Amino acid sequence: MKAAMGVYAAALHRAERGVDCALWLTTADGVPLKEMDPAAWYAELTDGDITVVTRCGGPTIDIGCGPGRLTAAVSDLGVVALGIDISPDAVRLAEARGAWALERSVFDPLPGEGDWAHALLIDGNLGIGGDPRGLLRRCAQLLRPSGTVLVEVEPPGTPTWHGNVAISDAWRTSEVFAWSIVGVDRIPELAADAGLRVADIWTEEGRWFSSLQN
């Protein structure tokens, strides 16, 4: 994933300046999978974002936090919130927003392991590493008993996909890295494999989310 950080970081800085920052997630052979909008990570919270943030009633770790919009929003509620991202540029931008953020992978040693009330995997971050089962198992390790993983998934009927992807902007394409795309239909199975249970599934503004309980 670090191979993609140059393209990602450049898009974050363009988004911060309010200029063209669109990114595309593509297969290794260039087939488009999804368009990403870094400008949204700087905009006001959407109704979908708010449905996630308002569920964070205790210490929250935001995995793949980017420039920290959700980390900062949870913190603004008076809740302890930590953002982690492997991009140093993302961490600096999150800190500039007033968020507590660290340059870490979710698979690195992390503060408060076993005592987080909530772990966030939003904006497609369930795809990190191309192994959603392994990622959810790791999140379960981070949580206190009865803690929750709040995940954003794709709409019903979306096929689950694993493979190598790249991110592209209008100028260049990154090296490939492992990623997954997961539809909401697969969440009960993946949660059970990680020792979690589905506590809730909801949709807002065409986005789909699930709360998985430890």
N, C-alpha and C. Protein backbone atom coordinates (compact mmCIF):
# COMPACT_ATOMS: atom_id res chain seq x y z
N MET A 1 0.82 -1.21 0.00
CA MET A 1 0.00 0.00 0.00
C MET A 1 0.86 1.26 0.00
N LYS A 2 2.02 1.20 0.63
CA LYS A 2 2.86 2.40 0.67
C LYS A 2 3.27 2.84 -0.73
N ALA A 3 3.28 1.89 -1.67
CA ALA A 3 3.62 2.24 -3.04
C ALA A 3 2.66 3.25 -3.64
N ALA A 4 1.43 3.30 -3.11
CA ALA A 4 0.41 4.19 -3.66
C ALA A 4 0.39 5.55 -2.97
N MET A 5 1.21 5.73 -1.94
CA MET A 5 1.08 6.90 -1.11
C MET A 5 1.38 8.22 -1.83
N GLY A 6 2.26 8.20 -2.84
CA GLY A 6 2.58 9.43 -3.55
C GLY A 6 1.37 9.98 -4.27
N VAL A 7 0.64 9.13 -4.98
CA VAL A 7 -0.56 9.56 -5.71
C VAL A 7 -1.63 10.00 -4.72
N TYR A 8 -1.79 9.23 -3.67
CA TYR A 8 -2.79 9.54 -2.63
C TYR A 8 -2.48 10.87 -1.95
N ALA A 9 -1.22 11.06 -1.54
CA ALA A 9 -0.84 12.28 -0.84
C ALA A 9 -1.02 13.51 -1.72
N ALA A 10 -0.66 13.38 -2.99
CA ALA A 10 -0.81 14.52 -3.90
C ALA A 10 -2.28 14.91 -4.03
N ALA A 11 -3.17 13.91 -4.07
CA ALA A 11 -4.60 14.20 -4.17
C ALA A 11 -5.11 14.88 -2.89
N LEU A 12 -4.61 14.45 -1.74
CA LEU A 12 -5.01 15.09 -0.48
C LEU A 12 -4.63 16.56 -0.47
N HIS A 13 -3.43 16.87 -0.92
CA HIS A 13 -2.99 18.26 -0.92
C HIS A 13 -3.77 19.09 -1.93
N ARG A 14 -4.13 18.50 -3.08
CA ARG A 14 -4.97 19.23 -4.03
C ARG A 14 -6.36 19.48 -3.44
N ALA A 15 -6.89 18.47 -2.75
CA ALA A 15 -8.20 18.64 -2.12
C ALA A 15 -8.16 19.76 -1.07
N GLU A 16 -7.07 19.82 -0.32
CA GLU A 16 -6.92 20.86 0.70
C GLU A 16 -6.95 22.25 0.05
N ARG A 17 -6.38 22.35 -1.16
CA ARG A 17 -6.34 23.64 -1.85
C ARG A 17 -7.62 23.92 -2.65
N GLY A 18 -8.52 22.92 -2.72
CA GLY A 18 -9.77 23.11 -3.44
C GLY A 18 -9.65 23.00 -4.94
N VAL A 19 -8.64 22.25 -5.43
CA VAL A 19 -8.49 22.06 -6.87
C VAL A 19 -8.77 20.60 -7.23
N ASP A 20 -8.77 20.29 -8.53
CA ASP A 20 -9.13 18.96 -9.01
C ASP A 20 -8.32 17.88 -8.31
N CYS A 21 -9.04 16.93 -7.70
CA CYS A 21 -8.33 15.93 -6.89
C CYS A 21 -8.90 14.53 -7.07
N ALA A 22 -9.67 14.30 -8.10
CA ALA A 22 -10.33 13.00 -8.28
C ALA A 22 -9.31 11.87 -8.37
N LEU A 23 -9.67 10.74 -7.79
CA LEU A 23 -8.86 9.52 -7.85
C LEU A 23 -9.73 8.38 -8.34
N TRP A 24 -9.10 7.41 -9.00
CA TRP A 24 -9.81 6.21 -9.44
C TRP A 24 -9.09 4.98 -8.89
N LEU A 25 -9.86 4.05 -8.38
CA LEU A 25 -9.34 2.74 -8.01
C LEU A 25 -9.55 1.83 -9.20
N THR A 26 -8.47 1.21 -9.69
CA THR A 26 -8.55 0.37 -10.87
C THR A 26 -7.94 -0.99 -10.58
N THR A 27 -8.30 -1.97 -11.39
CA THR A 27 -7.62 -3.26 -11.31
C THR A 27 -6.18 -3.10 -11.81
N ALA A 28 -5.38 -4.12 -11.59
CA ALA A 28 -3.98 -4.06 -11.99
C ALA A 28 -3.82 -3.83 -13.48
N ASP A 29 -4.82 -4.27 -14.27
CA ASP A 29 -4.74 -4.06 -15.72
C ASP A 29 -5.57 -2.86 -16.19
N GLY A 30 -5.93 -1.98 -15.25
CA GLY A 30 -6.51 -0.69 -15.62
C GLY A 30 -8.01 -0.61 -15.72
N VAL A 31 -8.74 -1.66 -15.34
CA VAL A 31 -10.20 -1.61 -15.40
C VAL A 31 -10.72 -0.81 -14.19
N PRO A 32 -11.49 0.25 -14.41
CA PRO A 32 -11.98 1.06 -13.28
C PRO A 32 -12.89 0.26 -12.35
N LEU A 33 -12.64 0.39 -11.06
CA LEU A 33 -13.49 -0.23 -10.05
C LEU A 33 -14.35 0.79 -9.32
N LYS A 34 -13.75 1.95 -9.02
CA LYS A 34 -14.47 2.93 -8.20
C LYS A 34 -13.80 4.29 -8.31
N GLU A 35 -14.60 5.34 -8.35
CA GLU A 35 -14.06 6.69 -8.27
C GLU A 35 -14.07 7.16 -6.82
N MET A 36 -13.02 7.83 -6.41
CA MET A 36 -12.92 8.37 -5.05
C MET A 36 -12.85 9.89 -5.15
N ASP A 37 -13.42 10.55 -4.15
CA ASP A 37 -13.48 12.02 -4.15
C ASP A 37 -12.81 12.56 -2.89
N PRO A 38 -11.50 12.80 -2.91
CA PRO A 38 -10.84 13.35 -1.72
C PRO A 38 -11.43 14.67 -1.24
N ALA A 39 -12.07 15.43 -2.12
CA ALA A 39 -12.69 16.68 -1.68
C ALA A 39 -13.75 16.43 -0.61
N ALA A 40 -14.41 15.28 -0.68
CA ALA A 40 -15.43 14.95 0.32
C ALA A 40 -14.83 14.77 1.70
N TRP A 41 -13.54 14.43 1.75
CA TRP A 41 -12.88 14.23 3.04
C TRP A 41 -12.56 15.56 3.73
N TYR A 42 -12.78 16.66 3.01
CA TYR A 42 -12.60 18.01 3.57
C TYR A 42 -13.93 18.74 3.74
N ALA A 43 -14.98 18.19 3.18
CA ALA A 43 -16.28 18.86 3.21
C ALA A 43 -16.95 18.67 4.57
N GLU A 44 -18.10 19.33 4.75
CA GLU A 44 -18.90 19.11 5.96
C GLU A 44 -19.34 17.65 6.00
N LEU A 45 -19.56 17.14 7.22
CA LEU A 45 -20.03 15.77 7.35
C LEU A 45 -21.35 15.59 6.61
N THR A 46 -21.47 14.49 5.91
CA THR A 46 -22.73 14.14 5.27
C THR A 46 -23.64 13.46 6.30
N ASP A 47 -24.91 13.27 5.91
CA ASP A 47 -25.83 12.55 6.81
C ASP A 47 -25.32 11.14 7.08
N GLY A 48 -24.69 10.51 6.06
CA GLY A 48 -24.13 9.18 6.27
C GLY A 48 -23.01 9.20 7.29
N ASP A 49 -22.11 10.17 7.18
CA ASP A 49 -21.03 10.31 8.16
C ASP A 49 -21.60 10.48 9.57
N ILE A 50 -22.63 11.29 9.68
CA ILE A 50 -23.20 11.60 11.00
C ILE A 50 -23.77 10.34 11.65
N THR A 51 -24.36 9.45 10.85
CA THR A 51 -24.89 8.20 11.43
C THR A 51 -23.78 7.35 12.04
N VAL A 52 -22.56 7.49 11.54
CA VAL A 52 -21.42 6.77 12.11
C VAL A 52 -20.90 7.49 13.35
N VAL A 53 -20.65 8.78 13.22
CA VAL A 53 -20.05 9.55 14.31
C VAL A 53 -20.91 9.51 15.56
N THR A 54 -22.22 9.61 15.41
CA THR A 54 -23.10 9.65 16.58
C THR A 54 -23.20 8.30 17.29
N ARG A 55 -22.71 7.24 16.68
CA ARG A 55 -22.65 5.94 17.34
C ARG A 55 -21.38 5.75 18.17
N CYS A 56 -20.50 6.73 18.13
CA CYS A 56 -19.22 6.62 18.84
C CYS A 56 -19.36 7.24 20.23
N GLY A 57 -19.75 6.40 21.18
CA GLY A 57 -19.98 6.88 22.53
C GLY A 57 -18.83 6.64 23.47
N GLY A 58 -17.73 6.09 22.97
CA GLY A 58 -16.56 5.83 23.79
C GLY A 58 -15.32 5.91 22.93
N PRO A 59 -14.14 5.64 23.51
CA PRO A 59 -12.88 5.80 22.76
C PRO A 59 -12.92 5.11 21.40
N THR A 60 -12.53 5.86 20.38
CA THR A 60 -12.72 5.44 18.99
C THR A 60 -11.41 5.51 18.22
N ILE A 61 -11.09 4.44 17.47
CA ILE A 61 -9.92 4.44 16.60
C ILE A 61 -10.41 4.41 15.16
N ASP A 62 -9.94 5.37 14.38
CA ASP A 62 -10.36 5.57 12.99
C ASP A 62 -9.25 5.04 12.09
N ILE A 63 -9.49 3.90 11.46
CA ILE A 63 -8.47 3.17 10.71
C ILE A 63 -8.47 3.64 9.26
N GLY A 64 -7.30 4.10 8.78
CA GLY A 64 -7.23 4.72 7.47
C GLY A 64 -7.92 6.07 7.51
N CYS A 65 -7.51 6.91 8.46
CA CYS A 65 -8.25 8.15 8.77
C CYS A 65 -8.15 9.22 7.71
N GLY A 66 -7.15 9.12 6.79
CA GLY A 66 -6.99 10.19 5.81
C GLY A 66 -6.74 11.51 6.51
N PRO A 67 -7.31 12.61 6.00
CA PRO A 67 -7.08 13.92 6.63
C PRO A 67 -7.92 14.17 7.87
N GLY A 68 -8.55 13.12 8.40
CA GLY A 68 -9.08 13.19 9.75
C GLY A 68 -10.46 13.77 9.96
N ARG A 69 -11.32 13.75 8.93
CA ARG A 69 -12.63 14.39 9.14
C ARG A 69 -13.44 13.66 10.20
N LEU A 70 -13.43 12.32 10.19
CA LEU A 70 -14.22 11.59 11.17
C LEU A 70 -13.55 11.59 12.54
N THR A 71 -12.22 11.47 12.56
CA THR A 71 -11.50 11.52 13.83
C THR A 71 -11.78 12.83 14.55
N ALA A 72 -11.69 13.93 13.81
CA ALA A 72 -11.94 15.24 14.40
C ALA A 72 -13.39 15.39 14.84
N ALA A 73 -14.32 14.85 14.05
CA ALA A 73 -15.74 14.97 14.39
C ALA A 73 -16.07 14.21 15.67
N VAL A 74 -15.49 13.02 15.82
CA VAL A 74 -15.72 12.26 17.06
C VAL A 74 -15.12 13.01 18.25
N SER A 75 -13.91 13.53 18.07
CA SER A 75 -13.26 14.29 19.13
C SER A 75 -14.09 15.51 19.53
N ASP A 76 -14.71 16.15 18.55
CA ASP A 76 -15.54 17.33 18.83
C ASP A 76 -16.74 17.00 19.71
N LEU A 77 -17.11 15.72 19.77
CA LEU A 77 -18.19 15.29 20.66
C LEU A 77 -17.71 15.10 22.09
N GLY A 78 -16.42 15.30 22.32
CA GLY A 78 -15.86 15.09 23.65
C GLY A 78 -15.43 13.66 23.89
N VAL A 79 -15.31 12.88 22.82
CA VAL A 79 -14.92 11.47 22.91
C VAL A 79 -13.47 11.34 22.47
N VAL A 80 -12.68 10.54 23.19
CA VAL A 80 -11.30 10.29 22.78
C VAL A 80 -11.30 9.60 21.42
N ALA A 81 -10.54 10.13 20.48
CA ALA A 81 -10.49 9.56 19.13
C ALA A 81 -9.06 9.61 18.60
N LEU A 82 -8.62 8.51 18.03
CA LEU A 82 -7.30 8.40 17.42
C LEU A 82 -7.46 7.99 15.96
N GLY A 83 -6.81 8.72 15.06
CA GLY A 83 -6.76 8.33 13.66
C GLY A 83 -5.42 7.71 13.34
N ILE A 84 -5.42 6.65 12.55
CA ILE A 84 -4.17 6.06 12.08
C ILE A 84 -4.21 5.98 10.56
N ASP A 85 -3.05 6.21 9.95
CA ASP A 85 -2.93 6.14 8.50
C ASP A 85 -1.47 5.88 8.17
N ILE A 86 -1.22 5.13 7.10
CA ILE A 86 0.17 4.86 6.73
C ILE A 86 0.78 5.99 5.91
N SER A 87 -0.03 6.99 5.57
CA SER A 87 0.47 8.14 4.83
C SER A 87 0.89 9.24 5.80
N PRO A 88 2.17 9.62 5.82
CA PRO A 88 2.57 10.72 6.70
C PRO A 88 1.89 12.03 6.34
N ASP A 89 1.59 12.24 5.06
CA ASP A 89 0.88 13.47 4.66
C ASP A 89 -0.52 13.49 5.24
N ALA A 90 -1.21 12.35 5.21
CA ALA A 90 -2.55 12.29 5.78
C ALA A 90 -2.51 12.58 7.27
N VAL A 91 -1.52 12.03 7.96
CA VAL A 91 -1.41 12.26 9.40
C VAL A 91 -1.18 13.74 9.70
N ARG A 92 -0.30 14.37 8.94
CA ARG A 92 -0.04 15.81 9.16
C ARG A 92 -1.30 16.64 8.91
N LEU A 93 -2.05 16.27 7.88
CA LEU A 93 -3.27 17.02 7.58
C LEU A 93 -4.33 16.80 8.66
N ALA A 94 -4.40 15.58 9.19
CA ALA A 94 -5.34 15.30 10.27
C ALA A 94 -4.97 16.09 11.52
N GLU A 95 -3.68 16.13 11.82
CA GLU A 95 -3.24 16.89 12.99
C GLU A 95 -3.52 18.39 12.82
N ALA A 96 -3.35 18.89 11.59
CA ALA A 96 -3.64 20.29 11.33
C ALA A 96 -5.12 20.60 11.55
N ARG A 97 -5.94 19.58 11.45
CA ARG A 97 -7.38 19.72 11.67
C ARG A 97 -7.73 19.62 13.15
N GLY A 98 -6.73 19.34 13.97
CA GLY A 98 -6.95 19.23 15.40
C GLY A 98 -7.17 17.81 15.89
N ALA A 99 -6.99 16.82 15.00
CA ALA A 99 -7.19 15.42 15.38
C ALA A 99 -5.91 14.84 15.96
N TRP A 100 -6.06 13.84 16.81
CA TRP A 100 -4.93 13.03 17.28
C TRP A 100 -4.72 11.93 16.25
N ALA A 101 -3.56 11.87 15.65
CA ALA A 101 -3.32 10.92 14.57
C ALA A 101 -1.89 10.40 14.64
N LEU A 102 -1.71 9.16 14.21
CA LEU A 102 -0.41 8.51 14.20
C LEU A 102 -0.18 7.86 12.84
N GLU A 103 1.08 7.86 12.38
CA GLU A 103 1.45 7.17 11.16
C GLU A 103 1.69 5.71 11.50
N ARG A 104 0.66 4.91 11.37
CA ARG A 104 0.72 3.49 11.71
C ARG A 104 -0.16 2.68 10.76
N SER A 105 0.21 1.43 10.58
CA SER A 105 -0.69 0.45 9.99
C SER A 105 -1.56 -0.13 11.11
N VAL A 106 -2.75 -0.57 10.76
CA VAL A 106 -3.61 -1.21 11.74
C VAL A 106 -2.96 -2.47 12.29
N PHE A 107 -2.03 -3.05 11.55
CA PHE A 107 -1.37 -4.28 12.00
C PHE A 107 -0.12 -4.02 12.84
N ASP A 108 0.23 -2.74 13.03
CA ASP A 108 1.32 -2.37 13.93
C ASP A 108 0.82 -2.39 15.38
N PRO A 109 1.73 -2.43 16.36
CA PRO A 109 1.30 -2.20 17.75
C PRO A 109 0.66 -0.82 17.86
N LEU A 110 -0.45 -0.73 18.59
CA LEU A 110 -1.22 0.50 18.68
C LEU A 110 -1.55 0.83 20.13
N PRO A 111 -1.69 2.11 20.44
CA PRO A 111 -2.10 2.48 21.80
C PRO A 111 -3.48 1.90 22.15
N GLY A 112 -3.65 1.52 23.40
CA GLY A 112 -4.96 1.14 23.89
C GLY A 112 -5.51 -0.16 23.34
N GLU A 113 -4.65 -1.06 22.88
CA GLU A 113 -5.16 -2.31 22.31
C GLU A 113 -6.01 -3.05 23.34
N GLY A 114 -7.17 -3.49 22.91
CA GLY A 114 -8.08 -4.20 23.79
C GLY A 114 -8.98 -3.30 24.61
N ASP A 115 -8.88 -1.98 24.41
CA ASP A 115 -9.69 -1.06 25.22
C ASP A 115 -10.45 -0.03 24.40
N TRP A 116 -10.43 -0.14 23.07
CA TRP A 116 -11.21 0.79 22.25
C TRP A 116 -12.67 0.37 22.25
N ALA A 117 -13.56 1.35 22.34
CA ALA A 117 -14.99 1.07 22.28
C ALA A 117 -15.48 0.89 20.85
N HIS A 118 -14.82 1.61 19.92
CA HIS A 118 -15.25 1.56 18.52
C HIS A 118 -14.03 1.62 17.60
N ALA A 119 -14.10 0.88 16.51
CA ALA A 119 -13.12 0.97 15.43
C ALA A 119 -13.87 1.31 14.15
N LEU A 120 -13.38 2.30 13.42
CA LEU A 120 -14.04 2.74 12.19
C LEU A 120 -13.29 2.22 10.97
N LEU A 121 -14.05 1.65 10.04
CA LEU A 121 -13.55 1.26 8.71
C LEU A 121 -14.51 1.87 7.69
N ILE A 122 -14.35 3.16 7.43
CA ILE A 122 -15.28 3.91 6.59
C ILE A 122 -14.57 4.30 5.29
N ASP A 123 -15.34 4.72 4.29
CA ASP A 123 -14.80 5.12 2.99
C ASP A 123 -14.11 3.96 2.28
N GLY A 124 -14.64 2.76 2.45
CA GLY A 124 -14.09 1.60 1.75
C GLY A 124 -12.90 0.96 2.43
N ASN A 125 -12.56 1.39 3.66
CA ASN A 125 -11.35 0.90 4.30
C ASN A 125 -11.42 -0.55 4.77
N LEU A 126 -12.59 -1.19 4.66
CA LEU A 126 -12.64 -2.64 4.87
C LEU A 126 -11.79 -3.36 3.83
N GLY A 127 -11.47 -2.67 2.74
CA GLY A 127 -10.63 -3.26 1.70
C GLY A 127 -9.15 -3.33 2.03
N ILE A 128 -8.70 -2.68 3.10
CA ILE A 128 -7.27 -2.58 3.41
C ILE A 128 -6.62 -3.96 3.46
N GLY A 129 -5.57 -4.13 2.69
CA GLY A 129 -4.79 -5.36 2.72
C GLY A 129 -5.35 -6.50 1.90
N GLY A 130 -6.56 -6.33 1.34
CA GLY A 130 -7.13 -7.39 0.52
C GLY A 130 -7.58 -8.61 1.30
N ASP A 131 -7.75 -8.47 2.62
CA ASP A 131 -8.11 -9.61 3.47
C ASP A 131 -9.09 -9.12 4.53
N PRO A 132 -10.37 -8.95 4.18
CA PRO A 132 -11.32 -8.41 5.16
C PRO A 132 -11.49 -9.28 6.40
N ARG A 133 -11.36 -10.60 6.25
CA ARG A 133 -11.44 -11.45 7.45
C ARG A 133 -10.31 -11.13 8.42
N GLY A 134 -9.09 -11.07 7.89
CA GLY A 134 -7.94 -10.78 8.73
C GLY A 134 -8.03 -9.40 9.34
N LEU A 135 -8.53 -8.43 8.58
CA LEU A 135 -8.66 -7.07 9.08
C LEU A 135 -9.69 -7.00 10.20
N LEU A 136 -10.82 -7.68 10.04
CA LEU A 136 -11.83 -7.68 11.09
C LEU A 136 -11.33 -8.41 12.34
N ARG A 137 -10.57 -9.47 12.16
CA ARG A 137 -9.99 -10.15 13.33
C ARG A 137 -9.06 -9.20 14.08
N ARG A 138 -8.26 -8.44 13.35
CA ARG A 138 -7.37 -7.48 13.99
C ARG A 138 -8.18 -6.40 14.72
N CYS A 139 -9.24 -5.92 14.11
CA CYS A 139 -10.08 -4.92 14.77
C CYS A 139 -10.69 -5.48 16.05
N ALA A 140 -11.10 -6.75 16.02
CA ALA A 140 -11.66 -7.36 17.23
C ALA A 140 -10.64 -7.36 18.37
N GLN A 141 -9.36 -7.53 18.03
CA GLN A 141 -8.32 -7.50 19.05
C GLN A 141 -8.17 -6.12 19.68
N LEU A 142 -8.50 -5.09 18.93
CA LEU A 142 -8.35 -3.72 19.42
C LEU A 142 -9.46 -3.32 20.37
N LEU A 143 -10.60 -4.04 20.30
CA LEU A 143 -11.81 -3.62 21.01
C LEU A 143 -11.90 -4.18 22.41
N ARG A 144 -12.56 -3.43 23.27
CA ARG A 144 -12.96 -3.93 24.58
C ARG A 144 -14.15 -4.89 24.40
N PRO A 145 -14.48 -5.69 25.42
CA PRO A 145 -15.69 -6.52 25.31
C PRO A 145 -16.91 -5.67 24.98
N SER A 146 -17.72 -6.14 24.05
CA SER A 146 -18.92 -5.45 23.56
C SER A 146 -18.61 -4.20 22.74
N GLY A 147 -17.33 -3.98 22.39
CA GLY A 147 -17.00 -2.90 21.47
C GLY A 147 -17.53 -3.19 20.08
N THR A 148 -17.52 -2.16 19.21
CA THR A 148 -18.08 -2.33 17.87
C THR A 148 -17.10 -1.88 16.80
N VAL A 149 -17.13 -2.59 15.68
CA VAL A 149 -16.49 -2.14 14.45
C VAL A 149 -17.59 -1.56 13.58
N LEU A 150 -17.45 -0.30 13.20
CA LEU A 150 -18.40 0.36 12.32
C LEU A 150 -17.80 0.39 10.93
N VAL A 151 -18.43 -0.33 10.00
CA VAL A 151 -17.86 -0.50 8.67
C VAL A 151 -18.79 0.05 7.61
N GLU A 152 -18.18 0.58 6.55
CA GLU A 152 -18.94 0.96 5.35
C GLU A 152 -18.70 -0.10 4.30
N VAL A 153 -19.78 -0.55 3.68
CA VAL A 153 -19.71 -1.61 2.68
C VAL A 153 -20.44 -1.18 1.42
N GLU A 154 -20.38 -2.02 0.42
CA GLU A 154 -21.05 -1.73 -0.85
C GLU A 154 -22.50 -2.20 -0.80
N PRO A 155 -23.35 -1.70 -1.70
CA PRO A 155 -24.78 -2.03 -1.67
C PRO A 155 -25.06 -3.51 -1.87
N PRO A 156 -26.27 -3.95 -1.51
CA PRO A 156 -26.66 -5.35 -1.74
C PRO A 156 -26.47 -5.74 -3.20
N GLY A 157 -26.05 -6.98 -3.40
CA GLY A 157 -25.84 -7.49 -4.74
C GLY A 157 -24.46 -7.22 -5.31
N THR A 158 -23.64 -6.42 -4.60
CA THR A 158 -22.28 -6.16 -5.08
C THR A 158 -21.42 -7.40 -4.87
N PRO A 159 -20.81 -7.93 -5.92
CA PRO A 159 -19.95 -9.10 -5.73
C PRO A 159 -18.72 -8.75 -4.88
N THR A 160 -18.34 -9.66 -4.01
CA THR A 160 -17.10 -9.48 -3.27
C THR A 160 -15.93 -9.69 -4.23
N TRP A 161 -14.94 -8.83 -4.13
CA TRP A 161 -13.81 -8.87 -5.05
C TRP A 161 -12.52 -8.69 -4.26
N HIS A 162 -11.51 -9.52 -4.54
CA HIS A 162 -10.19 -9.38 -3.95
C HIS A 162 -9.17 -9.38 -5.09
N GLY A 163 -8.16 -8.56 -4.98
CA GLY A 163 -7.11 -8.57 -6.00
C GLY A 163 -6.17 -7.40 -5.84
N ASN A 164 -5.29 -7.26 -6.82
CA ASN A 164 -4.34 -6.15 -6.83
C ASN A 164 -4.98 -4.96 -7.55
N VAL A 165 -4.82 -3.79 -6.97
CA VAL A 165 -5.38 -2.57 -7.53
C VAL A 165 -4.30 -1.50 -7.61
N ALA A 166 -4.64 -0.43 -8.28
CA ALA A 166 -3.80 0.77 -8.30
C ALA A 166 -4.72 1.97 -8.12
N ILE A 167 -4.15 3.10 -7.72
CA ILE A 167 -4.92 4.34 -7.73
C ILE A 167 -4.31 5.28 -8.76
N SER A 168 -5.20 5.97 -9.44
CA SER A 168 -4.78 6.85 -10.53
C SER A 168 -5.42 8.21 -10.36
N ASP A 169 -4.68 9.23 -10.79
CA ASP A 169 -5.27 10.55 -10.96
C ASP A 169 -5.15 10.93 -12.43
N ALA A 170 -5.29 12.17 -12.76
CA ALA A 170 -5.25 12.58 -14.17
C ALA A 170 -3.84 12.52 -14.75
N TRP A 171 -2.82 12.29 -13.89
CA TRP A 171 -1.43 12.39 -14.35
C TRP A 171 -0.65 11.09 -14.23
N ARG A 172 -0.96 10.27 -13.23
CA ARG A 172 -0.13 9.08 -13.03
C ARG A 172 -0.91 7.99 -12.33
N THR A 173 -0.31 6.80 -12.34
CA THR A 173 -0.91 5.62 -11.71
C THR A 173 0.10 5.01 -10.75
N SER A 174 -0.38 4.60 -9.60
CA SER A 174 0.50 4.04 -8.58
C SER A 174 0.92 2.61 -8.94
N GLU A 175 1.86 2.09 -8.19
CA GLU A 175 2.12 0.66 -8.21
C GLU A 175 0.91 -0.05 -7.60
N VAL A 176 0.84 -1.38 -7.82
CA VAL A 176 -0.33 -2.12 -7.35
C VAL A 176 -0.18 -2.50 -5.88
N PHE A 177 -1.32 -2.73 -5.25
CA PHE A 177 -1.37 -3.18 -3.88
C PHE A 177 -2.64 -4.00 -3.70
N ALA A 178 -2.71 -4.78 -2.63
CA ALA A 178 -3.85 -5.67 -2.40
C ALA A 178 -5.03 -4.90 -1.84
N TRP A 179 -6.23 -5.23 -2.32
CA TRP A 179 -7.44 -4.55 -1.87
C TRP A 179 -8.64 -5.49 -2.00
N SER A 180 -9.71 -5.16 -1.32
CA SER A 180 -10.97 -5.91 -1.43
C SER A 180 -12.14 -4.95 -1.57
N ILE A 181 -13.16 -5.42 -2.22
CA ILE A 181 -14.45 -4.73 -2.25
C ILE A 181 -15.47 -5.70 -1.70
N VAL A 182 -16.24 -5.26 -0.71
CA VAL A 182 -17.14 -6.15 0.03
C VAL A 182 -18.55 -5.58 0.02
N GLY A 183 -19.50 -6.38 -0.43
CA GLY A 183 -20.90 -5.99 -0.38
C GLY A 183 -21.52 -6.32 0.96
N VAL A 184 -22.61 -5.66 1.28
CA VAL A 184 -23.26 -5.84 2.58
C VAL A 184 -23.74 -7.28 2.77
N ASP A 185 -24.04 -7.98 1.69
CA ASP A 185 -24.54 -9.36 1.81
C ASP A 185 -23.53 -10.30 2.47
N ARG A 186 -22.24 -9.98 2.35
CA ARG A 186 -21.21 -10.87 2.89
C ARG A 186 -20.84 -10.55 4.34
N ILE A 187 -21.39 -9.47 4.89
CA ILE A 187 -20.97 -9.03 6.22
C ILE A 187 -21.27 -10.07 7.32
N PRO A 188 -22.42 -10.71 7.36
CA PRO A 188 -22.64 -11.69 8.43
C PRO A 188 -21.59 -12.80 8.44
N GLU A 189 -21.25 -13.31 7.27
CA GLU A 189 -20.24 -14.38 7.19
C GLU A 189 -18.87 -13.89 7.64
N LEU A 190 -18.46 -12.72 7.14
CA LEU A 190 -17.14 -12.20 7.50
C LEU A 190 -17.06 -11.86 8.98
N ALA A 191 -18.14 -11.31 9.53
CA ALA A 191 -18.17 -10.99 10.95
C ALA A 191 -18.03 -12.25 11.78
N ALA A 192 -18.76 -13.29 11.44
CA ALA A 192 -18.70 -14.54 12.21
C ALA A 192 -17.30 -15.13 12.17
N ASP A 193 -16.66 -15.07 11.01
CA ASP A 193 -15.30 -15.60 10.89
C ASP A 193 -14.32 -14.86 11.78
N ALA A 194 -14.62 -13.59 12.10
CA ALA A 194 -13.74 -12.78 12.94
C ALA A 194 -14.16 -12.81 14.41
N GLY A 195 -15.17 -13.62 14.74
CA GLY A 195 -15.64 -13.67 16.12
C GLY A 195 -16.51 -12.49 16.49
N LEU A 196 -17.10 -11.84 15.49
CA LEU A 196 -17.99 -10.71 15.71
C LEU A 196 -19.41 -11.09 15.31
N ARG A 197 -20.37 -10.30 15.74
CA ARG A 197 -21.74 -10.51 15.30
C ARG A 197 -22.30 -9.21 14.74
N VAL A 198 -23.21 -9.33 13.80
CA VAL A 198 -23.84 -8.15 13.22
C VAL A 198 -24.87 -7.60 14.19
N ALA A 199 -24.63 -6.39 14.68
CA ALA A 199 -25.58 -5.74 15.58
C ALA A 199 -26.58 -4.88 14.82
N ASP A 200 -26.18 -4.36 13.66
CA ASP A 200 -27.07 -3.47 12.91
C ASP A 200 -26.54 -3.32 11.49
N ILE A 201 -27.45 -3.11 10.57
CA ILE A 201 -27.13 -2.73 9.19
C ILE A 201 -28.05 -1.57 8.84
N TRP A 202 -27.51 -0.52 8.25
CA TRP A 202 -28.35 0.62 7.88
C TRP A 202 -27.81 1.27 6.61
N THR A 203 -28.65 2.08 6.02
CA THR A 203 -28.27 2.81 4.81
C THR A 203 -28.67 4.27 4.96
N GLU A 204 -27.88 5.14 4.37
CA GLU A 204 -28.14 6.58 4.40
C GLU A 204 -27.50 7.20 3.17
N GLU A 205 -28.25 7.96 2.41
CA GLU A 205 -27.74 8.67 1.23
C GLU A 205 -27.13 7.71 0.20
N GLY A 206 -27.67 6.51 0.11
CA GLY A 206 -27.14 5.54 -0.83
C GLY A 206 -25.90 4.81 -0.36
N ARG A 207 -25.43 5.11 0.84
CA ARG A 207 -24.29 4.41 1.42
C ARG A 207 -24.80 3.34 2.39
N TRP A 208 -24.00 2.27 2.56
CA TRP A 208 -24.39 1.15 3.41
C TRP A 208 -23.36 0.96 4.51
N PHE A 209 -23.87 0.68 5.72
CA PHE A 209 -23.02 0.55 6.90
C PHE A 209 -23.47 -0.64 7.73
N SER A 210 -22.54 -1.11 8.57
CA SER A 210 -22.91 -2.16 9.53
C SER A 210 -22.12 -1.94 10.83
N SER A 211 -22.77 -2.28 11.92
CA SER A 211 -22.12 -2.29 13.23
C SER A 211 -21.92 -3.74 13.63
N LEU A 212 -20.65 -4.08 13.87
CA LEU A 212 -20.27 -5.45 14.24
C LEU A 212 -19.80 -5.45 15.67
N GLN A 213 -20.40 -6.29 16.51
CA GLN A 213 -20.12 -6.25 17.94
C GLN A 213 -19.14 -7.34 18.35
N ASN A 214 -18.21 -6.97 19.20
CA ASN A 214 -17.20 -7.90 19.71
C ASN A 214 -17.84 -8.88 20.69
